[in-house]
PDB file of N, CA and C in Angstrom:
ATOM      1  N   MET A   1       0.844  -1.182   0.000  1.00  0.00           N
ATOM      2  CA  MET A   1       0.000   0.000   0.000  1.00  0.00           C
ATOM      3  C   MET A   1       0.889   1.246   0.000  1.00  0.00           C
ATOM      4  N   THR A   2       0.620   2.174  -0.878  1.00  0.00           N
ATOM      5  CA  THR A   2       1.428   3.377  -0.941  1.00  0.00           C
ATOM      6  C   THR A   2       0.879   4.429   0.017  1.00  0.00           C
ATOM      7  N   ASP A   3       1.772   5.289   0.447  1.00  0.00           N
ATOM      8  CA  ASP A   3       1.406   6.378   1.347  1.00  0.00           C
ATOM      9  C   ASP A   3       0.934   7.553   0.493  1.00  0.00           C
ATOM     10  N   LYS A   4      -0.270   8.052   0.765  1.00  0.00           N
ATOM     11  CA  LYS A   4      -0.809   9.133  -0.067  1.00  0.00           C
ATOM     12  C   LYS A   4      -0.035  10.431   0.086  1.00  0.00           C
ATOM     13  N   PHE A   5       0.860  10.510   1.071  1.00  0.00           N
ATOM     14  CA  PHE A   5       1.641  11.723   1.275  1.00  0.00           C
ATOM     15  C   PHE A   5       3.084  11.611   0.779  1.00  0.00           C
ATOM     16  N   GLU A   6       3.422  10.522   0.098  1.00  0.00           N
ATOM     17  CA  GLU A   6       4.806  10.338  -0.321  1.00  0.00           C
ATOM     18  C   GLU A   6       5.234  11.308  -1.418  1.00  0.00           C
ATOM     19  N   ASN A   7       4.297  11.885  -2.138  1.00  0.00           N
ATOM     20  CA  ASN A   7       4.653  12.796  -3.239  1.00  0.00           C
ATOM     21  C   ASN A   7       4.282  14.247  -2.959  1.00  0.00           C
ATOM     22  N   VAL A   8       4.268  14.625  -1.687  1.00  0.00           N
ATOM     23  CA  VAL A   8       3.988  16.020  -1.338  1.00  0.00           C
ATOM     24  C   VAL A   8       5.144  16.881  -1.857  1.00  0.00           C
ATOM     25  N   PRO A   9       4.852  17.881  -2.668  1.00  0.00           N
ATOM     26  CA  PRO A   9       5.927  18.721  -3.194  1.00  0.00           C
ATOM     27  C   PRO A   9       6.503  19.645  -2.122  1.00  0.00           C
ATOM     28  N   VAL A  10       7.800  19.936  -2.260  1.00  0.00           N
ATOM     29  CA  VAL A  10       8.493  20.866  -1.368  1.00  0.00           C
ATOM     30  C   VAL A  10       9.161  21.908  -2.246  1.00  0.00           C
ATOM     31  N   GLU A  11       8.918  23.188  -1.948  1.00  0.00           N
ATOM     32  CA  GLU A  11       9.565  24.248  -2.718  1.00  0.00           C
ATOM     33  C   GLU A  11      11.073  24.172  -2.528  1.00  0.00           C
ATOM     34  N   ALA A  12      11.812  24.504  -3.568  1.00  0.00           N
ATOM     35  CA  ALA A  12      13.262  24.329  -3.576  1.00  0.00           C
ATOM     36  C   ALA A  12      13.963  25.050  -2.427  1.00  0.00           C
ATOM     37  N   ASP A  13      13.462  26.210  -2.016  1.00  0.00           N
ATOM     38  CA  ASP A  13      14.139  26.979  -0.971  1.00  0.00           C
ATOM     39  C   ASP A  13      13.545  26.744   0.422  1.00  0.00           C
ATOM     40  N   THR A  14      12.701  25.733   0.569  1.00  0.00           N
ATOM     41  CA  THR A  14      12.119  25.387   1.865  1.00  0.00           C
ATOM     42  C   THR A  14      12.847  24.176   2.428  1.00  0.00           C
ATOM     43  N   ARG A  15      13.194  24.251   3.705  1.00  0.00           N
ATOM     44  CA  ARG A  15      13.859  23.136   4.380  1.00  0.00           C
ATOM     45  C   ARG A  15      12.870  22.516   5.360  1.00  0.00           C
ATOM     46  N   ILE A  16      12.592  21.239   5.206  1.00  0.00           N
ATOM     47  CA  ILE A  16      11.707  20.524   6.118  1.00  0.00           C
ATOM     48  C   ILE A  16      12.533  20.104   7.326  1.00  0.00           C
ATOM     49  N   LEU A  17      12.152  20.607   8.511  1.00  0.00           N
ATOM     50  CA  LEU A  17      12.874  20.301   9.741  1.00  0.00           C
ATOM     51  C   LEU A  17      12.385  19.000  10.369  1.00  0.00           C
ATOM     52  N   PHE A  18      11.108  18.708  10.184  1.00  0.00           N
ATOM     53  CA  PHE A  18      10.504  17.495  10.739  1.00  0.00           C
ATOM     54  C   PHE A  18       9.217  17.227   9.979  1.00  0.00           C
ATOM     55  N   HIS A  19       8.915  15.960   9.779  1.00  0.00           N
ATOM     56  CA  HIS A  19       7.613  15.620   9.202  1.00  0.00           C
ATOM     57  C   HIS A  19       7.145  14.278   9.744  1.00  0.00           C
ATOM     58  N   GLU A  20       5.840  14.108   9.713  1.00  0.00           N
ATOM     59  CA  GLU A  20       5.233  12.840  10.083  1.00  0.00           C
ATOM     60  C   GLU A  20       3.985  12.651   9.236  1.00  0.00           C
ATOM     61  N   ASN A  21       3.900  11.518   8.578  1.00  0.00           N
ATOM     62  CA  ASN A  21       2.744  11.206   7.739  1.00  0.00           C
ATOM     63  C   ASN A  21       1.643  10.568   8.572  1.00  0.00           C
ATOM     64  N   ASN A  22       0.437  10.714   8.090  1.00  0.00           N
ATOM     65  CA  ASN A  22      -0.734  10.035   8.640  1.00  0.00           C
ATOM     66  C   ASN A  22      -1.043  10.392  10.090  1.00  0.00           C
ATOM     67  N   VAL A  23      -0.928  11.672  10.428  1.00  0.00           N
ATOM     68  CA  VAL A  23      -1.358  12.130  11.742  1.00  0.00           C
ATOM     69  C   VAL A  23      -2.866  12.353  11.692  1.00  0.00           C
ATOM     70  N   LYS A  24      -3.528  12.109  12.794  1.00  0.00           N
ATOM     71  CA  LYS A  24      -4.976  12.292  12.863  1.00  0.00           C
ATOM     72  C   LYS A  24      -5.283  13.734  13.249  1.00  0.00           C
ATOM     73  N   VAL A  25      -6.142  14.361  12.474  1.00  0.00           N
ATOM     74  CA  VAL A  25      -6.630  15.706  12.742  1.00  0.00           C
ATOM     75  C   VAL A  25      -8.151  15.597  12.696  1.00  0.00           C
ATOM     76  N   GLY A  26      -8.746  15.530  13.851  1.00  0.00           N
ATOM     77  CA  GLY A  26     -10.170  15.224  13.888  1.00  0.00           C
ATOM     78  C   GLY A  26     -10.380  13.836  13.318  1.00  0.00           C
ATOM     79  N   GLU A  27     -11.210  13.757  12.294  1.00  0.00           N
ATOM     80  CA  GLU A  27     -11.476  12.468  11.661  1.00  0.00           C
ATOM     81  C   GLU A  27     -10.683  12.276  10.372  1.00  0.00           C
ATOM     82  N   ARG A  28      -9.772  13.202  10.073  1.00  0.00           N
ATOM     83  CA  ARG A  28      -8.998  13.131   8.833  1.00  0.00           C
ATOM     84  C   ARG A  28      -7.537  12.824   9.126  1.00  0.00           C
ATOM     85  N   THR A  29      -6.835  12.361   8.096  1.00  0.00           N
ATOM     86  CA  THR A  29      -5.392  12.166   8.224  1.00  0.00           C
ATOM     87  C   THR A  29      -4.687  13.253   7.421  1.00  0.00           C
ATOM     88  N   ALA A  30      -3.489  13.601   7.876  1.00  0.00           N
ATOM     89  CA  ALA A  30      -2.705  14.653   7.225  1.00  0.00           C
ATOM     90  C   ALA A  30      -1.229  14.339   7.379  1.00  0.00           C
ATOM     91  N   ARG A  31      -0.425  15.088   6.659  1.00  0.00           N
ATOM     92  CA  ARG A  31       1.017  15.086   6.864  1.00  0.00           C
ATOM     93  C   ARG A  31       1.311  16.343   7.678  1.00  0.00           C
ATOM     94  N   TYR A  32       2.085  16.200   8.747  1.00  0.00           N
ATOM     95  CA  TYR A  32       2.498  17.335   9.565  1.00  0.00           C
ATOM     96  C   TYR A  32       3.940  17.673   9.212  1.00  0.00           C
ATOM     97  N   GLU A  33       4.220  18.965   9.037  1.00  0.00           N
ATOM     98  CA  GLU A  33       5.583  19.412   8.765  1.00  0.00           C
ATOM     99  C   GLU A  33       5.930  20.627   9.618  1.00  0.00           C
ATOM    100  N   MET A  34       7.162  20.654  10.094  1.00  0.00           N
ATOM    101  CA  MET A  34       7.787  21.865  10.623  1.00  0.00           C
ATOM    102  C   MET A  34       8.803  22.254   9.559  1.00  0.00           C
ATOM    103  N   TRP A  35       8.851  23.545   9.194  1.00  0.00           N
ATOM    104  CA  TRP A  35       9.681  23.950   8.082  1.00  0.00           C
ATOM    105  C   TRP A  35      10.366  25.293   8.348  1.00  0.00           C
ATOM    106  N   SER A  36      11.356  25.567   7.515  1.00  0.00           N
ATOM    107  CA  SER A  36      12.079  26.830   7.554  1.00  0.00           C
ATOM    108  C   SER A  36      12.175  27.355   6.129  1.00  0.00           C
ATOM    109  N   TRP A  37      11.874  28.654   5.978  1.00  0.00           N
ATOM    110  CA  TRP A  37      11.946  29.279   4.670  1.00  0.00           C
ATOM    111  C   TRP A  37      12.294  30.753   4.848  1.00  0.00           C
ATOM    112  N   ASP A  38      13.414  31.176   4.310  1.00  0.00           N
ATOM    113  CA  ASP A  38      13.803  32.576   4.256  1.00  0.00           C
ATOM    114  C   ASP A  38      13.707  33.274   5.620  1.00  0.00           C
ATOM    115  N   GLY A  39      14.235  32.615   6.664  1.00  0.00           N
ATOM    116  CA  GLY A  39      14.235  33.204   7.999  1.00  0.00           C
ATOM    117  C   GLY A  39      12.931  33.065   8.755  1.00  0.00           C
ATOM    118  N   ILE A  40      12.027  32.265   8.234  1.00  0.00           N
ATOM    119  CA  ILE A  40      10.729  32.039   8.880  1.00  0.00           C
ATOM    120  C   ILE A  40      10.595  30.554   9.191  1.00  0.00           C
ATOM    121  N   HIS A  41      10.166  30.262  10.413  1.00  0.00           N
ATOM    122  CA  HIS A  41       9.844  28.883  10.783  1.00  0.00           C
ATOM    123  C   HIS A  41       8.335  28.790  10.937  1.00  0.00           C
ATOM    124  N   GLY A  42       7.780  27.675  10.506  1.00  0.00           N
ATOM    125  CA  GLY A  42       6.344  27.491  10.624  1.00  0.00           C
ATOM    126  C   GLY A  42       5.967  26.030  10.616  1.00  0.00           C
ATOM    127  N   GLU A  43       4.680  25.799  10.626  1.00  0.00           N
ATOM    128  CA  GLU A  43       4.145  24.449  10.640  1.00  0.00           C
ATOM    129  C   GLU A  43       3.088  24.333   9.549  1.00  0.00           C
ATOM    130  N   SER A  44       2.905  23.119   9.067  1.00  0.00           N
ATOM    131  CA  SER A  44       1.885  22.852   8.058  1.00  0.00           C
ATOM    132  C   SER A  44       1.203  21.537   8.340  1.00  0.00           C
ATOM    133  N   LEU A  45      -0.067  21.509   8.042  1.00  0.00           N
ATOM    134  CA  LEU A  45      -0.807  20.267   7.903  1.00  0.00           C
ATOM    135  C   LEU A  45      -1.158  20.175   6.433  1.00  0.00           C
ATOM    136  N   ILE A  46      -0.841  19.046   5.836  1.00  0.00           N
ATOM    137  CA  ILE A  46      -1.080  18.857   4.408  1.00  0.00           C
ATOM    138  C   ILE A  46      -2.081  17.718   4.263  1.00  0.00           C
ATOM    139  N   PHE A  47      -3.174  18.026   3.603  1.00  0.00           N
ATOM    140  CA  PHE A  47      -4.247  17.064   3.417  1.00  0.00           C
ATOM    141  C   PHE A  47      -4.333  16.646   1.960  1.00  0.00           C
ATOM    142  N   SER A  48      -4.780  15.438   1.721  1.00  0.00           N
ATOM    143  CA  SER A  48      -5.140  15.043   0.368  1.00  0.00           C
ATOM    144  C   SER A  48      -6.342  15.889  -0.040  1.00  0.00           C
ATOM    145  N   ALA A  49      -6.282  16.486  -1.212  1.00  0.00           N
ATOM    146  CA  ALA A  49      -7.368  17.363  -1.664  1.00  0.00           C
ATOM    147  C   ALA A  49      -8.706  16.625  -1.688  1.00  0.00           C
ATOM    148  N   ASP A  50      -8.686  15.359  -2.034  1.00  0.00           N
ATOM    149  CA  ASP A  50      -9.924  14.580  -2.058  1.00  0.00           C
ATOM    150  C   ASP A  50     -10.546  14.444  -0.670  1.00  0.00           C
ATOM    151  N   ASP A  51      -9.701  14.378   0.361  1.00  0.00           N
ATOM    152  CA  ASP A  51     -10.194  14.178   1.730  1.00  0.00           C
ATOM    153  C   ASP A  51     -10.850  15.422   2.324  1.00  0.00           C
ATOM    154  N   VAL A  52     -10.534  16.595   1.776  1.00  0.00           N
ATOM    155  CA  VAL A  52     -11.029  17.838   2.381  1.00  0.00           C
ATOM    156  C   VAL A  52     -11.805  18.709   1.398  1.00  0.00           C
ATOM    157  N   SER A  53     -12.236  18.129   0.309  1.00  0.00           N
ATOM    158  CA  SER A  53     -13.021  18.920  -0.639  1.00  0.00           C
ATOM    159  C   SER A  53     -14.273  19.409   0.076  1.00  0.00           C
ATOM    160  N   GLY A  54     -14.608  20.640  -0.144  1.00  0.00           N
ATOM    161  CA  GLY A  54     -15.777  21.218   0.504  1.00  0.00           C
ATOM    162  C   GLY A  54     -15.471  21.961   1.793  1.00  0.00           C
ATOM    163  N   LEU A  55     -14.270  21.792   2.359  1.00  0.00           N
ATOM    164  CA  LEU A  55     -13.918  22.537   3.569  1.00  0.00           C
ATOM    165  C   LEU A  55     -13.450  23.939   3.189  1.00  0.00           C
ATOM    166  N   THR A  56     -13.851  24.923   3.981  1.00  0.00           N
ATOM    167  CA  THR A  56     -13.439  26.309   3.756  1.00  0.00           C
ATOM    168  C   THR A  56     -12.203  26.633   4.585  1.00  0.00           C
ATOM    169  N   ASP A  57     -11.618  27.794   4.329  1.00  0.00           N
ATOM    170  CA  ASP A  57     -10.491  28.252   5.141  1.00  0.00           C
ATOM    171  C   ASP A  57     -10.898  28.331   6.612  1.00  0.00           C
ATOM    172  N   GLU A  58     -12.102  28.810   6.869  1.00  0.00           N
ATOM    173  CA  GLU A  58     -12.601  28.904   8.253  1.00  0.00           C
ATOM    174  C   GLU A  58     -12.725  27.532   8.896  1.00  0.00           C
ATOM    175  N   ASP A  59     -13.121  26.539   8.133  1.00  0.00           N
ATOM    176  CA  ASP A  59     -13.196  25.169   8.656  1.00  0.00           C
ATOM    177  C   ASP A  59     -11.816  24.700   9.128  1.00  0.00           C
ATOM    178  N   PHE A  60     -10.793  24.994   8.322  1.00  0.00           N
ATOM    179  CA  PHE A  60      -9.434  24.609   8.702  1.00  0.00           C
ATOM    180  C   PHE A  60      -8.987  25.375   9.951  1.00  0.00           C
ATOM    181  N   LYS A  61      -9.295  26.649   9.998  1.00  0.00           N
ATOM    182  CA  LYS A  61      -8.915  27.463  11.155  1.00  0.00           C
ATOM    183  C   LYS A  61      -9.571  26.919  12.430  1.00  0.00           C
ATOM    184  N   GLU A  62     -10.844  26.573  12.336  1.00  0.00           N
ATOM    185  CA  GLU A  62     -11.551  25.995  13.487  1.00  0.00           C
ATOM    186  C   GLU A  62     -10.957  24.654  13.886  1.00  0.00           C
ATOM    187  N   MET A  63     -10.559  23.863  12.907  1.00  0.00           N
ATOM    188  CA  MET A  63      -9.943  22.568  13.175  1.00  0.00           C
ATOM    189  C   MET A  63      -8.663  22.742  13.991  1.00  0.00           C
ATOM    190  N   LEU A  64      -7.836  23.720  13.604  1.00  0.00           N
ATOM    191  CA  LEU A  64      -6.590  23.989  14.330  1.00  0.00           C
ATOM    192  C   LEU A  64      -6.882  24.546  15.717  1.00  0.00           C
ATOM    193  N   ALA A  65      -7.842  25.455  15.807  1.00  0.00           N
ATOM    194  CA  ALA A  65      -8.189  26.052  17.091  1.00  0.00           C
ATOM    195  C   ALA A  65      -8.755  24.993  18.045  1.00  0.00           C
ATOM    196  N   ASP A  66      -9.603  24.113  17.536  1.00  0.00           N
ATOM    197  CA  ASP A  66     -10.179  23.050  18.365  1.00  0.00           C
ATOM    198  C   ASP A  66      -9.106  22.119  18.915  1.00  0.00           C
ATOM    199  N   GLY A  67      -8.034  21.918  18.157  1.00  0.00           N
ATOM    200  CA  GLY A  67      -6.932  21.060  18.599  1.00  0.00           C
ATOM    201  C   GLY A  67      -5.856  21.809  19.360  1.00  0.00           C
ATOM    202  N   ASN A  68      -6.099  23.090  19.681  1.00  0.00           N
ATOM    203  CA  ASN A  68      -5.122  23.937  20.369  1.00  0.00           C
ATOM    204  C   ASN A  68      -3.782  23.992  19.636  1.00  0.00           C
ATOM    205  N   LEU A  69      -3.828  23.992  18.315  1.00  0.00           N
ATOM    206  CA  LEU A  69      -2.614  24.035  17.502  1.00  0.00           C
ATOM    207  C   LEU A  69      -2.275  25.441  17.014  1.00  0.00           C
ATOM    208  N   LEU A  70      -3.263  26.303  16.928  1.00  0.00           N
ATOM    209  CA  LEU A  70      -3.093  27.627  16.335  1.00  0.00           C
ATOM    210  C   LEU A  70      -2.740  28.651  17.405  1.00  0.00           C
ATOM    211  N   LYS A  71      -1.488  29.144  17.356  1.00  0.00           N
ATOM    212  CA  LYS A  71      -1.031  30.142  18.331  1.00  0.00           C
ATOM    213  C   LYS A  71      -1.584  31.532  18.006  1.00  0.00           C
ATOM    214  N   SER A  72      -1.637  31.853  16.710  1.00  0.00           N
ATOM    215  CA  SER A  72      -2.056  33.190  16.300  1.00  0.00           C
ATOM    216  C   SER A  72      -2.849  33.093  14.994  1.00  0.00           C
ATOM    217  N   PRO A  73      -4.105  33.545  15.000  1.00  0.00           N
ATOM    218  CA  PRO A  73      -4.922  33.471  13.782  1.00  0.00           C
ATOM    219  C   PRO A  73      -4.353  34.273  12.609  1.00  0.00           C
ATOM    220  N   GLU A  74      -3.509  35.256  12.885  1.00  0.00           N
ATOM    221  CA  GLU A  74      -2.936  36.070  11.811  1.00  0.00           C
ATOM    222  C   GLU A  74      -1.925  35.280  10.978  1.00  0.00           C
ATOM    223  N   ASN A  75      -1.297  34.280  11.578  1.00  0.00           N
ATOM    224  CA  ASN A  75      -0.279  33.489  10.882  1.00  0.00           C
ATOM    225  C   ASN A  75      -0.884  32.188  10.373  1.00  0.00           C
ATOM    226  N   PHE A  76      -1.861  32.329   9.497  1.00  0.00           N
ATOM    227  CA  PHE A  76      -2.611  31.181   9.000  1.00  0.00           C
ATOM    228  C   PHE A  76      -2.928  31.385   7.525  1.00  0.00           C
ATOM    229  N   THR A  77      -2.569  30.409   6.683  1.00  0.00           N
ATOM    230  CA  THR A  77      -2.921  30.467   5.262  1.00  0.00           C
ATOM    231  C   THR A  77      -3.331  29.078   4.787  1.00  0.00           C
ATOM    232  N   VAL A  78      -4.140  29.045   3.761  1.00  0.00           N
ATOM    233  CA  VAL A  78      -4.527  27.797   3.114  1.00  0.00           C
ATOM    234  C   VAL A  78      -4.195  27.931   1.640  1.00  0.00           C
ATOM    235  N   THR A  79      -3.467  26.939   1.115  1.00  0.00           N
ATOM    236  CA  THR A  79      -3.123  26.912  -0.302  1.00  0.00           C
ATOM    237  C   THR A  79      -3.635  25.608  -0.885  1.00  0.00           C
ATOM    238  N   ARG A  80      -4.462  25.726  -1.897  1.00  0.00           N
ATOM    239  CA  ARG A  80      -5.039  24.546  -2.539  1.00  0.00           C
ATOM    240  C   ARG A  80      -4.306  24.263  -3.848  1.00  0.00           C
ATOM    241  N   LYS A  81      -3.786  23.055  -3.938  1.00  0.00           N
ATOM    242  CA  LYS A  81      -3.146  22.565  -5.165  1.00  0.00           C
ATOM    243  C   LYS A  81      -4.023  21.452  -5.725  1.00  0.00           C
ATOM    244  N   THR A  82      -3.655  20.900  -6.852  1.00  0.00           N
ATOM    245  CA  THR A  82      -4.455  19.852  -7.474  1.00  0.00           C
ATOM    246  C   THR A  82      -4.637  18.644  -6.553  1.00  0.00           C
ATOM    247  N   ASP A  83      -3.537  18.162  -5.967  1.00  0.00           N
ATOM    248  CA  ASP A  83      -3.585  16.932  -5.176  1.00  0.00           C
ATOM    249  C   ASP A  83      -3.602  17.154  -3.671  1.00  0.00           C
ATOM    250  N   PHE A  84      -3.144  18.329  -3.226  1.00  0.00           N
ATOM    251  CA  PHE A  84      -2.976  18.569  -1.794  1.00  0.00           C
ATOM    252  C   PHE A  84      -3.501  19.935  -1.384  1.00  0.00           C
ATOM    253  N   VAL A  85      -3.882  20.040  -0.117  1.00  0.00           N
ATOM    254  CA  VAL A  85      -4.249  21.315   0.488  1.00  0.00           C
ATOM    255  C   VAL A  85      -3.265  21.562   1.620  1.00  0.00           C
ATOM    256  N   PHE A  86      -2.564  22.705   1.563  1.00  0.00           N
ATOM    257  CA  PHE A  86      -1.554  23.070   2.547  1.00  0.00           C
ATOM    258  C   PHE A  86      -2.153  24.073   3.528  1.00  0.00           C
ATOM    259  N   VAL A  87      -2.188  23.721   4.787  1.00  0.00           N
ATOM    260  CA  VAL A  87      -2.659  24.615   5.840  1.00  0.00           C
ATOM    261  C   VAL A  87      -1.423  25.020   6.632  1.00  0.00           C
ATOM    262  N   ASN A  88      -0.982  26.255   6.432  1.00  0.00           N
ATOM    263  CA  ASN A  88       0.240  26.761   7.064  1.00  0.00           C
ATOM    264  C   ASN A  88      -0.142  27.641   8.250  1.00  0.00           C
ATOM    265  N   TYR A  89       0.572  27.479   9.356  1.00  0.00           N
ATOM    266  CA  TYR A  89       0.223  28.213  10.562  1.00  0.00           C
ATOM    267  C   TYR A  89       1.444  28.365  11.468  1.00  0.00           C
ATOM    268  N   ASN A  90       1.309  29.254  12.448  1.00  0.00           N
ATOM    269  CA  ASN A  90       2.340  29.508  13.453  1.00  0.00           C
ATOM    270  C   ASN A  90       3.676  29.923  12.855  1.00  0.00           C
ATOM    271  N   ALA A  91       3.652  30.659  11.761  1.00  0.00           N
ATOM    272  CA  ALA A  91       4.891  31.144  11.149  1.00  0.00           C
ATOM    273  C   ALA A  91       5.466  32.276  11.984  1.00  0.00           C
ATOM    274  N   GLU A  92       6.767  32.190  12.248  1.00  0.00           N
ATOM    275  CA  GLU A  92       7.467  33.197  13.037  1.00  0.00           C
ATOM    276  C   GLU A  92       8.821  33.494  12.416  1.00  0.00           C
ATOM    277  N   THR A  93       9.203  34.757  12.435  1.00  0.00           N
ATOM    278  CA  THR A  93      10.528  35.138  11.982  1.00  0.00           C
ATOM    279  C   THR A  93      11.540  34.765  13.054  1.00  0.00           C
ATOM    280  N   VAL A  94      12.638  34.146  12.616  1.00  0.00           N
ATOM    281  CA  VAL A  94      13.681  33.736  13.577  1.00  0.00           C
ATOM    282  C   VAL A  94      14.952  34.501  13.347  1.00  0.00           C
TER     283      VAL A  94
END
């Protein structure tokens, strides 16, 4: 059985500090990443686009808030790609 997160793209100038596949977020599974990019450290939950179709940005924000994962609502973005949805949060300049 293949891992649905094995082909998650990484931008060339982003360094993945830690990742774990198949973490449970509510009733869904995601890939969790801690990353560094251009002096910024942050976290991401990456979902299969098929698993979260129909969810809004607010739905993702509530999901993070319910799990006590979101430190600051201002540092939150959602990027939808063909195969994956990237929920980036807790970005801080280091």
